[in-house]
């Protein structure tokens, strides 16, 4: 979806539709591994893609371009077979977002969104952390900035609601 939005529609057109910019919200763009390899946005680096950062900025928010976990695998395939390993990986993804002052993690990958959001309570129990980091799918951000309500954007259906949206 991100590839189509960016390459076929473009940042300028996407930005022209913004009615409610996400000012004052700092967002960590989490690309994950599968949405970046082996294909991806033309001209992007596989190690440090910037397209999600640019999309976040186009929507009126502050991105975290040096978020070092943006392409780390979230352990989605391990979530059921080896949950301890998966949760350790997700813990690092969330910690890095907090370390950079993120209010929210956004991703174009539904598996990444689910994995990073859903297991925070278990991670908190295992590691004694107090994570409550909202994780939103990029279309959720777009729905909000284009004027849709929180209900229409399904924010209330998240495990950790992105109340700032």
Foldseek 3Di string as FASTA:
>chain_A
DLQCCPVVVRLVNLLVLFDAALEPAEEEEAAEAPALPDDHHPPADSQQGCSVQSNNVSSHYHYDSVLRNNHHHQCLVCCPVPVVVSLVSLVVSQVSCVVSVHQAYEYQDPSNQCSNQVCPVVSCVVPVDDDLHHYYYVVLSSCVRSPHDCVVSCQVVGPRRSVSD
